[in-house]
Amino acid sequence: MKQISLIILLCFFVVSCAVQKKHIEQEIEKNPAITCSSAQHDLKVLTDEKVSLVGKIASGVTMITPVGLVVGILTGTTGTKFRVTTGKYNDMLDNRIAQIKGTCGL
């Protein structure tokens, strides 16, 4: 019983992280303009947001557990979790970081 509770808690934690990542994805897609006055801050946020291997594994686990799958569907984060697991989320962040650095000469 304790293990199941821990798995459920982990799923909710990772899903809440996925909601944050979904928000960042939407911001990048919605606002493609680059503002050099906030470039340093934007670079820090994007760099901090990059997902480690442990985060990728955790995201993948929550995609296949029943609780994680249901919560992911209800919150609309299944696609984001998939992109995190496959590394496409980090690729998107790397592309945005390169765009900011190139545009602002950093």
PDB file of N, CA and C in Angstrom:
ATOM      1  N   MET A   1       0.828  -1.192   0.000  1.00  0.00           N
ATOM      2  CA  MET A   1       0.000   0.000   0.000  1.00  0.00           C
ATOM      3  C   MET A   1       0.874   1.257   0.000  1.00  0.00           C
ATOM      4  N   LYS A   2       1.965   1.214   0.762  1.00  0.00           N
ATOM      5  CA  LYS A   2       2.856   2.360   0.840  1.00  0.00           C
ATOM      6  C   LYS A   2       3.492   2.653  -0.512  1.00  0.00           C
ATOM      7  N   GLN A   3       3.854   1.599  -1.259  1.00  0.00           N
ATOM      8  CA  GLN A   3       4.479   1.786  -2.562  1.00  0.00           C
ATOM      9  C   GLN A   3       3.504   2.409  -3.553  1.00  0.00           C
ATOM     10  N   ILE A   4       2.249   1.990  -3.506  1.00  0.00           N
ATOM     11  CA  ILE A   4       1.244   2.538  -4.409  1.00  0.00           C
ATOM     12  C   ILE A   4       1.021   4.016  -4.107  1.00  0.00           C
ATOM     13  N   SER A   5       0.970   4.369  -2.836  1.00  0.00           N
ATOM     14  CA  SER A   5       0.803   5.776  -2.457  1.00  0.00           C
ATOM     15  C   SER A   5       1.979   6.608  -2.941  1.00  0.00           C
ATOM     16  N   LEU A   6       3.162   6.066  -2.829  1.00  0.00           N
ATOM     17  CA  LEU A   6       4.356   6.778  -3.290  1.00  0.00           C
ATOM     18  C   LEU A   6       4.331   6.964  -4.802  1.00  0.00           C
ATOM     19  N   ILE A   7       3.898   5.958  -5.530  1.00  0.00           N
ATOM     20  CA  ILE A   7       3.803   6.048  -6.985  1.00  0.00           C
ATOM     21  C   ILE A   7       2.763   7.099  -7.377  1.00  0.00           C
ATOM     22  N   ILE A   8       1.630   7.102  -6.707  1.00  0.00           N
ATOM     23  CA  ILE A   8       0.593   8.100  -6.996  1.00  0.00           C
ATOM     24  C   ILE A   8       1.112   9.500  -6.715  1.00  0.00           C
ATOM     25  N   LEU A   9       1.803   9.669  -5.602  1.00  0.00           N
ATOM     26  CA  LEU A   9       2.365  10.972  -5.257  1.00  0.00           C
ATOM     27  C   LEU A   9       3.394  11.411  -6.304  1.00  0.00           C
ATOM     28  N   LEU A  10       4.248  10.501  -6.724  1.00  0.00           N
ATOM     29  CA  LEU A  10       5.235  10.805  -7.746  1.00  0.00           C
ATOM     30  C   LEU A  10       4.556  11.202  -9.059  1.00  0.00           C
ATOM     31  N   CYS A  11       3.491  10.493  -9.415  1.00  0.00           N
ATOM     32  CA  CYS A  11       2.771  10.816 -10.652  1.00  0.00           C
ATOM     33  C   CYS A  11       2.209  12.232 -10.603  1.00  0.00           C
ATOM     34  N   PHE A  12       1.604  12.596  -9.481  1.00  0.00           N
ATOM     35  CA  PHE A  12       1.049  13.945  -9.366  1.00  0.00           C
ATOM     36  C   PHE A  12       2.142  15.005  -9.402  1.00  0.00           C
ATOM     37  N   PHE A  13       3.281  14.722  -8.793  1.00  0.00           N
ATOM     38  CA  PHE A  13       4.395  15.667  -8.823  1.00  0.00           C
ATOM     39  C   PHE A  13       4.898  15.875 -10.243  1.00  0.00           C
ATOM     40  N   VAL A  14       5.107  14.773 -10.963  1.00  0.00           N
ATOM     41  CA  VAL A  14       5.617  14.876 -12.327  1.00  0.00           C
ATOM     42  C   VAL A  14       4.586  15.531 -13.240  1.00  0.00           C
ATOM     43  N   VAL A  15       3.304  15.248 -13.018  1.00  0.00           N
ATOM     44  CA  VAL A  15       2.266  15.885 -13.826  1.00  0.00           C
ATOM     45  C   VAL A  15       2.246  17.385 -13.571  1.00  0.00           C
ATOM     46  N   SER A  16       2.433  17.797 -12.310  1.00  0.00           N
ATOM     47  CA  SER A  16       2.462  19.237 -12.034  1.00  0.00           C
ATOM     48  C   SER A  16       3.660  19.881 -12.734  1.00  0.00           C
ATOM     49  N   CYS A  17       4.769  19.170 -12.805  1.00  0.00           N
ATOM     50  CA  CYS A  17       5.928  19.671 -13.559  1.00  0.00           C
ATOM     51  C   CYS A  17       5.589  19.733 -15.048  1.00  0.00           C
ATOM     52  N   ALA A  18       4.850  18.751 -15.534  1.00  0.00           N
ATOM     53  CA  ALA A  18       4.467  18.732 -16.948  1.00  0.00           C
ATOM     54  C   ALA A  18       3.559  19.910 -17.282  1.00  0.00           C
ATOM     55  N   VAL A  19       2.716  20.304 -16.340  1.00  0.00           N
ATOM     56  CA  VAL A  19       1.853  21.467 -16.563  1.00  0.00           C
ATOM     57  C   VAL A  19       2.714  22.715 -16.745  1.00  0.00           C
ATOM     58  N   GLN A  20       3.757  22.856 -15.928  1.00  0.00           N
ATOM     59  CA  GLN A  20       4.675  23.990 -16.055  1.00  0.00           C
ATOM     60  C   GLN A  20       5.384  23.953 -17.404  1.00  0.00           C
ATOM     61  N   LYS A  21       5.821  22.780 -17.819  1.00  0.00           N
ATOM     62  CA  LYS A  21       6.517  22.645 -19.091  1.00  0.00           C
ATOM     63  C   LYS A  21       5.573  22.943 -20.257  1.00  0.00           C
ATOM     64  N   LYS A  22       4.323  22.524 -20.136  1.00  0.00           N
ATOM     65  CA  LYS A  22       3.331  22.817 -21.160  1.00  0.00           C
ATOM     66  C   LYS A  22       3.148  24.328 -21.279  1.00  0.00           C
ATOM     67  N   HIS A  23       3.130  25.005 -20.154  1.00  0.00           N
ATOM     68  CA  HIS A  23       2.982  26.466 -20.148  1.00  0.00           C
ATOM     69  C   HIS A  23       4.153  27.128 -20.887  1.00  0.00           C
ATOM     70  N   ILE A  24       5.361  26.653 -20.644  1.00  0.00           N
ATOM     71  CA  ILE A  24       6.542  27.219 -21.313  1.00  0.00           C
ATOM     72  C   ILE A  24       6.485  26.939 -22.811  1.00  0.00           C
ATOM     73  N   GLU A  25       6.083  25.733 -23.193  1.00  0.00           N
ATOM     74  CA  GLU A  25       5.924  25.415 -24.613  1.00  0.00           C
ATOM     75  C   GLU A  25       4.950  26.383 -25.282  1.00  0.00           C
ATOM     76  N   GLN A  26       3.826  26.613 -24.611  1.00  0.00           N
ATOM     77  CA  GLN A  26       2.813  27.508 -25.168  1.00  0.00           C
ATOM     78  C   GLN A  26       3.334  28.936 -25.280  1.00  0.00           C
ATOM     79  N   GLU A  27       4.097  29.384 -24.298  1.00  0.00           N
ATOM     80  CA  GLU A  27       4.656  30.733 -24.344  1.00  0.00           C
ATOM     81  C   GLU A  27       5.615  30.900 -25.517  1.00  0.00           C
ATOM     82  N   ILE A  28       6.443  29.895 -25.763  1.00  0.00           N
ATOM     83  CA  ILE A  28       7.391  29.966 -26.871  1.00  0.00           C
ATOM     84  C   ILE A  28       6.639  29.972 -28.208  1.00  0.00           C
ATOM     85  N   GLU A  29       5.614  29.137 -28.326  1.00  0.00           N
ATOM     86  CA  GLU A  29       4.849  29.074 -29.567  1.00  0.00           C
ATOM     87  C   GLU A  29       4.018  30.342 -29.780  1.00  0.00           C
ATOM     88  N   LYS A  30       3.457  30.861 -28.709  1.00  0.00           N
ATOM     89  CA  LYS A  30       2.565  32.016 -28.793  1.00  0.00           C
ATOM     90  C   LYS A  30       3.329  33.320 -29.001  1.00  0.00           C
ATOM     91  N   ASN A  31       4.535  33.404 -28.454  1.00  0.00           N
ATOM     92  CA  ASN A  31       5.290  34.639 -28.497  1.00  0.00           C
ATOM     93  C   ASN A  31       6.679  34.380 -29.086  1.00  0.00           C
ATOM     94  N   PRO A  32       6.760  34.240 -30.420  1.00  0.00           N
ATOM     95  CA  PRO A  32       8.059  33.923 -31.025  1.00  0.00           C
ATOM     96  C   PRO A  32       9.029  35.098 -31.070  1.00  0.00           C
ATOM     97  N   ALA A  33       8.540  36.308 -30.782  1.00  0.00           N
ATOM     98  CA  ALA A  33       9.417  37.482 -30.821  1.00  0.00           C
ATOM     99  C   ALA A  33      10.468  37.395 -29.715  1.00  0.00           C
ATOM    100  N   ILE A  34      11.658  37.866 -30.024  1.00  0.00           N
ATOM    101  CA  ILE A  34      12.756  37.853 -29.061  1.00  0.00           C
ATOM    102  C   ILE A  34      13.030  39.286 -28.622  1.00  0.00           C
ATOM    103  N   THR A  35      13.060  39.485 -27.323  1.00  0.00           N
ATOM    104  CA  THR A  35      13.315  40.798 -26.754  1.00  0.00           C
ATOM    105  C   THR A  35      14.698  40.783 -26.116  1.00  0.00           C
ATOM    106  N   CYS A  36      15.620  41.534 -26.684  1.00  0.00           N
ATOM    107  CA  CYS A  36      16.998  41.513 -26.201  1.00  0.00           C
ATOM    108  C   CYS A  36      17.146  42.123 -24.808  1.00  0.00           C
ATOM    109  N   SER A  37      16.229  43.004 -24.431  1.00  0.00           N
ATOM    110  CA  SER A  37      16.328  43.604 -23.101  1.00  0.00           C
ATOM    111  C   SER A  37      16.088  42.576 -21.995  1.00  0.00           C
ATOM    112  N   SER A  38      15.361  41.510 -22.316  1.00  0.00           N
ATOM    113  CA  SER A  38      15.126  40.469 -21.311  1.00  0.00           C
ATOM    114  C   SER A  38      15.863  39.169 -21.652  1.00  0.00           C
ATOM    115  N   ALA A  39      16.811  39.243 -22.589  1.00  0.00           N
ATOM    116  CA  ALA A  39      17.487  38.040 -23.083  1.00  0.00           C
ATOM    117  C   ALA A  39      18.211  37.271 -21.987  1.00  0.00           C
ATOM    118  N   GLN A  40      18.924  37.971 -21.123  1.00  0.00           N
ATOM    119  CA  GLN A  40      19.662  37.275 -20.053  1.00  0.00           C
ATOM    120  C   GLN A  40      18.708  36.493 -19.150  1.00  0.00           C
ATOM    121  N   HIS A  41      17.611  37.124 -18.781  1.00  0.00           N
ATOM    122  CA  HIS A  41      16.621  36.453 -17.927  1.00  0.00           C
ATOM    123  C   HIS A  41      15.991  35.273 -18.669  1.00  0.00           C
ATOM    124  N   ASP A  42      15.633  35.491 -19.925  1.00  0.00           N
ATOM    125  CA  ASP A  42      15.029  34.417 -20.721  1.00  0.00           C
ATOM    126  C   ASP A  42      15.969  33.226 -20.846  1.00  0.00           C
ATOM    127  N   LEU A  43      17.261  33.494 -21.071  1.00  0.00           N
ATOM    128  CA  LEU A  43      18.239  32.413 -21.183  1.00  0.00           C
ATOM    129  C   LEU A  43      18.350  31.628 -19.890  1.00  0.00           C
ATOM    130  N   LYS A  44      18.330  32.341 -18.761  1.00  0.00           N
ATOM    131  CA  LYS A  44      18.408  31.656 -17.465  1.00  0.00           C
ATOM    132  C   LYS A  44      17.188  30.765 -17.244  1.00  0.00           C
ATOM    133  N   VAL A  45      16.007  31.292 -17.547  1.00  0.00           N
ATOM    134  CA  VAL A  45      14.781  30.511 -17.375  1.00  0.00           C
ATOM    135  C   VAL A  45      14.804  29.276 -18.262  1.00  0.00           C
ATOM    136  N   LEU A  46      15.173  29.451 -19.515  1.00  0.00           N
ATOM    137  CA  LEU A  46      15.198  28.321 -20.449  1.00  0.00           C
ATOM    138  C   LEU A  46      16.253  27.290 -20.059  1.00  0.00           C
ATOM    139  N   THR A  47      17.410  27.742 -19.617  1.00  0.00           N
ATOM    140  CA  THR A  47      18.465  26.820 -19.197  1.00  0.00           C
ATOM    141  C   THR A  47      18.042  26.055 -17.950  1.00  0.00           C
ATOM    142  N   ASP A  48      17.426  26.742 -17.005  1.00  0.00           N
ATOM    143  CA  ASP A  48      16.950  26.085 -15.787  1.00  0.00           C
ATOM    144  C   ASP A  48      15.832  25.090 -16.083  1.00  0.00           C
ATOM    145  N   GLU A  49      15.107  25.330 -17.143  1.00  0.00           N
ATOM    146  CA  GLU A  49      13.955  24.497 -17.483  1.00  0.00           C
ATOM    147  C   GLU A  49      14.354  23.191 -18.168  1.00  0.00           C
ATOM    148  N   LYS A  50      15.575  23.111 -18.681  1.00  0.00           N
ATOM    149  CA  LYS A  50      15.998  21.893 -19.370  1.00  0.00           C
ATOM    150  C   LYS A  50      15.850  20.682 -18.445  1.00  0.00           C
ATOM    151  N   VAL A  51      15.445  19.575 -19.028  1.00  0.00           N
ATOM    152  CA  VAL A  51      15.110  18.383 -18.263  1.00  0.00           C
ATOM    153  C   VAL A  51      16.289  17.420 -18.222  1.00  0.00           C
ATOM    154  N   SER A  52      16.593  16.938 -17.026  1.00  0.00           N
ATOM    155  CA  SER A  52      17.678  15.971 -16.850  1.00  0.00           C
ATOM    156  C   SER A  52      17.204  14.574 -17.269  1.00  0.00           C
ATOM    157  N   LEU A  53      18.118  13.653 -17.313  1.00  0.00           N
ATOM    158  CA  LEU A  53      17.779  12.271 -17.638  1.00  0.00           C
ATOM    159  C   LEU A  53      16.783  11.707 -16.631  1.00  0.00           C
ATOM    160  N   VAL A  54      16.961  12.028 -15.361  1.00  0.00           N
ATOM    161  CA  VAL A  54      16.041  11.538 -14.323  1.00  0.00           C
ATOM    162  C   VAL A  54      14.641  12.078 -14.590  1.00  0.00           C
ATOM    163  N   GLY A  55      14.557  13.340 -14.978  1.00  0.00           N
ATOM    164  CA  GLY A  55      13.259  13.935 -15.290  1.00  0.00           C
ATOM    165  C   GLY A  55      12.603  13.280 -16.482  1.00  0.00           C
ATOM    166  N   LYS A  56      13.416  12.928 -17.486  1.00  0.00           N
ATOM    167  CA  LYS A  56      12.880  12.246 -18.662  1.00  0.00           C
ATOM    168  C   LYS A  56      12.325  10.880 -18.291  1.00  0.00           C
ATOM    169  N   ILE A  57      13.062  10.162 -17.462  1.00  0.00           N
ATOM    170  CA  ILE A  57      12.612   8.831 -17.041  1.00  0.00           C
ATOM    171  C   ILE A  57      11.324   8.941 -16.235  1.00  0.00           C
ATOM    172  N   ALA A  58      11.279   9.891 -15.296  1.00  0.00           N
ATOM    173  CA  ALA A  58      10.080  10.071 -14.471  1.00  0.00           C
ATOM    174  C   ALA A  58       8.882  10.436 -15.335  1.00  0.00           C
ATOM    175  N   SER A  59       9.085  11.280 -16.319  1.00  0.00           N
ATOM    176  CA  SER A  59       7.994  11.668 -17.207  1.00  0.00           C
ATOM    177  C   SER A  59       7.499  10.460 -18.001  1.00  0.00           C
ATOM    178  N   GLY A  60       8.424   9.636 -18.462  1.00  0.00           N
ATOM    179  CA  GLY A  60       8.052   8.433 -19.193  1.00  0.00           C
ATOM    180  C   GLY A  60       7.284   7.452 -18.344  1.00  0.00           C
ATOM    181  N   VAL A  61       7.686   7.318 -17.086  1.00  0.00           N
ATOM    182  CA  VAL A  61       6.993   6.401 -16.168  1.00  0.00           C
ATOM    183  C   VAL A  61       5.560   6.859 -15.960  1.00  0.00           C
ATOM    184  N   THR A  62       5.359   8.162 -15.787  1.00  0.00           N
ATOM    185  CA  THR A  62       3.994   8.645 -15.541  1.00  0.00           C
ATOM    186  C   THR A  62       3.120   8.535 -16.777  1.00  0.00           C
ATOM    187  N   MET A  63       3.743   8.402 -17.955  1.00  0.00           N
ATOM    188  CA  MET A  63       2.937   8.221 -19.165  1.00  0.00           C
ATOM    189  C   MET A  63       2.321   6.834 -19.213  1.00  0.00           C
ATOM    190  N   ILE A  64       2.945   5.860 -18.567  1.00  0.00           N
ATOM    191  CA  ILE A  64       2.458   4.488 -18.686  1.00  0.00           C
ATOM    192  C   ILE A  64       1.757   3.974 -17.438  1.00  0.00           C
ATOM    193  N   THR A  65       1.886   4.664 -16.309  1.00  0.00           N
ATOM    194  CA  THR A  65       1.147   4.231 -15.133  1.00  0.00           C
ATOM    195  C   THR A  65      -0.305   4.666 -15.286  1.00  0.00           C
ATOM    196  N   PRO A  66      -1.239   3.857 -14.819  1.00  0.00           N
ATOM    197  CA  PRO A  66      -2.652   4.215 -14.977  1.00  0.00           C
ATOM    198  C   PRO A  66      -3.001   5.581 -14.402  1.00  0.00           C
ATOM    199  N   VAL A  67      -2.528   5.871 -13.207  1.00  0.00           N
ATOM    200  CA  VAL A  67      -2.840   7.156 -12.586  1.00  0.00           C
ATOM    201  C   VAL A  67      -2.226   8.294 -13.389  1.00  0.00           C
ATOM    202  N   GLY A  68      -0.969   8.148 -13.762  1.00  0.00           N
ATOM    203  CA  GLY A  68      -0.295   9.186 -14.535  1.00  0.00           C
ATOM    204  C   GLY A  68      -0.938   9.404 -15.890  1.00  0.00           C
ATOM    205  N   LEU A  69      -1.365   8.320 -16.511  1.00  0.00           N
ATOM    206  CA  LEU A  69      -2.008   8.420 -17.815  1.00  0.00           C
ATOM    207  C   LEU A  69      -3.334   9.172 -17.713  1.00  0.00           C
ATOM    208  N   VAL A  70      -4.142   8.810 -16.727  1.00  0.00           N
ATOM    209  CA  VAL A  70      -5.440   9.464 -16.550  1.00  0.00           C
ATOM    210  C   VAL A  70      -5.259  10.941 -16.225  1.00  0.00           C
ATOM    211  N   VAL A  71      -4.367  11.243 -15.291  1.00  0.00           N
ATOM    212  CA  VAL A  71      -4.139  12.639 -14.913  1.00  0.00           C
ATOM    213  C   VAL A  71      -3.559  13.416 -16.093  1.00  0.00           C
ATOM    214  N   GLY A  72      -2.667  12.798 -16.849  1.00  0.00           N
ATOM    215  CA  GLY A  72      -2.105  13.450 -18.032  1.00  0.00           C
ATOM    216  C   GLY A  72      -3.167  13.776 -19.067  1.00  0.00           C
ATOM    217  N   ILE A  73      -4.106  12.865 -19.259  1.00  0.00           N
ATOM    218  CA  ILE A  73      -5.197  13.107 -20.208  1.00  0.00           C
ATOM    219  C   ILE A  73      -6.102  14.225 -19.690  1.00  0.00           C
ATOM    220  N   LEU A  74      -6.429  14.172 -18.405  1.00  0.00           N
ATOM    221  CA  LEU A  74      -7.309  15.198 -17.828  1.00  0.00           C
ATOM    222  C   LEU A  74      -6.686  16.589 -17.841  1.00  0.00           C
ATOM    223  N   THR A  75      -5.374  16.674 -17.653  1.00  0.00           N
ATOM    224  CA  THR A  75      -4.711  17.979 -17.620  1.00  0.00           C
ATOM    225  C   THR A  75      -4.177  18.396 -18.985  1.00  0.00           C
ATOM    226  N   GLY A  76      -4.260  17.506 -19.963  1.00  0.00           N
ATOM    227  CA  GLY A  76      -3.791  17.829 -21.302  1.00  0.00           C
ATOM    228  C   GLY A  76      -2.274  17.877 -21.423  1.00  0.00           C
ATOM    229  N   THR A  77      -1.577  17.137 -20.572  1.00  0.00           N
ATOM    230  CA  THR A  77      -0.106  17.180 -20.588  1.00  0.00           C
ATOM    231  C   THR A  77       0.529  15.933 -21.186  1.00  0.00           C
ATOM    232  N   THR A  78      -0.264  15.048 -21.747  1.00  0.00           N
ATOM    233  CA  THR A  78       0.294  13.808 -22.296  1.00  0.00           C
ATOM    234  C   THR A  78       1.302  14.099 -23.409  1.00  0.00           C
ATOM    235  N   GLY A  79       0.968  15.010 -24.302  1.00  0.00           N
ATOM    236  CA  GLY A  79       1.890  15.359 -25.390  1.00  0.00           C
ATOM    237  C   GLY A  79       3.178  15.971 -24.874  1.00  0.00           C
ATOM    238  N   THR A  80       3.052  16.836 -23.870  1.00  0.00           N
ATOM    239  CA  THR A  80       4.239  17.462 -23.283  1.00  0.00           C
ATOM    240  C   THR A  80       5.113  16.415 -22.628  1.00  0.00           C
ATOM    241  N   LYS A  81       4.502  15.494 -21.887  1.00  0.00           N
ATOM    242  CA  LYS A  81       5.292  14.441 -21.242  1.00  0.00           C
ATOM    243  C   LYS A  81       5.999  13.585 -22.284  1.00  0.00           C
ATOM    244  N   PHE A  82       5.337  13.335 -23.406  1.00  0.00           N
ATOM    245  CA  PHE A  82       5.963  12.559 -24.475  1.00  0.00           C
ATOM    246  C   PHE A  82       7.175  13.311 -25.025  1.00  0.00           C
ATOM    247  N   ARG A  83       7.017  14.621 -25.261  1.00  0.00           N
ATOM    248  CA  ARG A  83       8.135  15.414 -25.792  1.00  0.00           C
ATOM    249  C   ARG A  83       9.286  15.492 -24.793  1.00  0.00           C
ATOM    250  N   VAL A  84       8.976  15.536 -23.502  1.00  0.00           N
ATOM    251  CA  VAL A  84      10.024  15.536 -22.480  1.00  0.00           C
ATOM    252  C   VAL A  84      10.758  14.203 -22.506  1.00  0.00           C
ATOM    253  N   THR A  85      10.007  13.116 -22.544  1.00  0.00           N
ATOM    254  CA  THR A  85      10.596  11.782 -22.509  1.00  0.00           C
ATOM    255  C   THR A  85      11.498  11.527 -23.708  1.00  0.00           C
ATOM    256  N   THR A  86      11.093  11.977 -24.883  1.00  0.00           N
ATOM    257  CA  THR A  86      11.868  11.711 -26.098  1.00  0.00           C
ATOM    258  C   THR A  86      12.995  12.713 -26.327  1.00  0.00           C
ATOM    259  N   GLY A  87      13.044  13.773 -25.522  1.00  0.00           N
ATOM    260  CA  GLY A  87      14.099  14.767 -25.672  1.00  0.00           C
ATOM    261  C   GLY A  87      13.722  15.925 -26.583  1.00  0.00           C
ATOM    262  N   LYS A  88      12.544  15.876 -27.185  1.00  0.00           N
ATOM    263  CA  LYS A  88      12.124  16.956 -28.087  1.00  0.00           C
ATOM    264  C   LYS A  88      11.904  18.255 -27.330  1.00  0.00           C
ATOM    265  N   TYR A  89      11.523  18.164 -26.064  1.00  0.00           N
ATOM    266  CA  TYR A  89      11.333  19.378 -25.244  1.00  0.00           C
ATOM    267  C   TYR A  89      12.669  20.099 -25.075  1.00  0.00           C
ATOM    268  N   ASN A  90      13.720  19.357 -24.740  1.00  0.00           N
ATOM    269  CA  ASN A  90      15.050  19.955 -24.601  1.00  0.00           C
ATOM    270  C   ASN A  90      15.537  20.515 -25.940  1.00  0.00           C
ATOM    271  N   ASP A  91      15.230  19.829 -27.027  1.00  0.00           N
ATOM    272  CA  ASP A  91      15.610  20.331 -28.351  1.00  0.00           C
ATOM    273  C   ASP A  91      14.937  21.673 -28.629  1.00  0.00           C
ATOM    274  N   MET A  92      13.644  21.784 -28.262  1.00  0.00           N
ATOM    275  CA  MET A  92      12.922  23.029 -28.458  1.00  0.00           C
ATOM    276  C   MET A  92      13.564  24.146 -27.633  1.00  0.00           C
ATOM    277  N   LEU A  93      13.937  23.832 -26.390  1.00  0.00           N
ATOM    278  CA  LEU A  93      14.588  24.826 -25.543  1.00  0.00           C
ATOM    279  C   LEU A  93      15.947  25.222 -26.120  1.00  0.00           C
ATOM    280  N   ASP A  94      16.714  24.237 -26.603  1.00  0.00           N
ATOM    281  CA  ASP A  94      18.021  24.528 -27.209  1.00  0.00           C
ATOM    282  C   ASP A  94      17.880  25.436 -28.434  1.00  0.00           C
ATOM    283  N   ASN A  95      16.866  25.179 -29.251  1.00  0.00           N
ATOM    284  CA  ASN A  95      16.630  26.015 -30.430  1.00  0.00           C
ATOM    285  C   ASN A  95      16.301  27.448 -30.024  1.00  0.00           C
ATOM    286  N   ARG A  96      15.463  27.595 -29.011  1.00  0.00           N
ATOM    287  CA  ARG A  96      15.080  28.936 -28.555  1.00  0.00           C
ATOM    288  C   ARG A  96      16.291  29.664 -27.961  1.00  0.00           C
ATOM    289  N   ILE A  97      17.103  28.947 -27.195  1.00  0.00           N
ATOM    290  CA  ILE A  97      18.311  29.539 -26.619  1.00  0.00           C
ATOM    291  C   ILE A  97      19.233  30.023 -27.741  1.00  0.00           C
ATOM    292  N   ALA A  98      19.409  29.202 -28.778  1.00  0.00           N
ATOM    293  CA  ALA A  98      20.257  29.584 -29.920  1.00  0.00           C
ATOM    294  C   ALA A  98      19.688  30.798 -30.640  1.00  0.00           C
ATOM    295  N   GLN A  99      18.365  30.856 -30.798  1.00  0.00           N
ATOM    296  CA  GLN A  99      17.728  32.008 -31.443  1.00  0.00           C
ATOM    297  C   GLN A  99      17.990  33.288 -30.646  1.00  0.00           C
ATOM    298  N   ILE A 100      17.826  33.208 -29.339  1.00  0.00           N
ATOM    299  CA  ILE A 100      18.040  34.383 -28.490  1.00  0.00           C
ATOM    300  C   ILE A 100      19.489  34.838 -28.569  1.00  0.00           C
ATOM    301  N   LYS A 101      20.401  33.878 -28.449  1.00  0.00           N
ATOM    302  CA  LYS A 101      21.835  34.227 -28.501  1.00  0.00           C
ATOM    303  C   LYS A 101      22.195  34.819 -29.856  1.00  0.00           C
ATOM    304  N   GLY A 102      21.673  34.253 -30.927  1.00  0.00           N
ATOM    305  CA  GLY A 102      21.976  34.747 -32.268  1.00  0.00           C
ATOM    306  C   GLY A 102      21.394  36.133 -32.521  1.00  0.00           C
ATOM    307  N   THR A 103      20.164  36.326 -32.115  1.00  0.00           N
ATOM    308  CA  THR A 103      19.499  37.614 -32.339  1.00  0.00           C
ATOM    309  C   THR A 103      20.106  38.727 -31.506  1.00  0.00           C
ATOM    310  N   CYS A 104      20.443  38.411 -30.257  1.00  0.00           N
ATOM    311  CA  CYS A 104      20.919  39.444 -29.334  1.00  0.00           C
ATOM    312  C   CYS A 104      22.446  39.514 -29.242  1.00  0.00           C
ATOM    313  N   GLY A 105      23.128  38.663 -29.986  1.00  0.00           N
ATOM    314  CA  GLY A 105      24.598  38.690 -30.000  1.00  0.00           C
ATOM    315  C   GLY A 105      25.229  38.301 -28.687  1.00  0.00           C
ATOM    316  N   LEU A 106      24.651  37.331 -28.035  1.00  0.00           N
ATOM    317  CA  LEU A 106      25.196  36.867 -26.742  1.00  0.00           C
ATOM    318  C   LEU A 106      26.062  35.644 -26.901  1.00  0.00           C
TER     319      LEU A 106
END
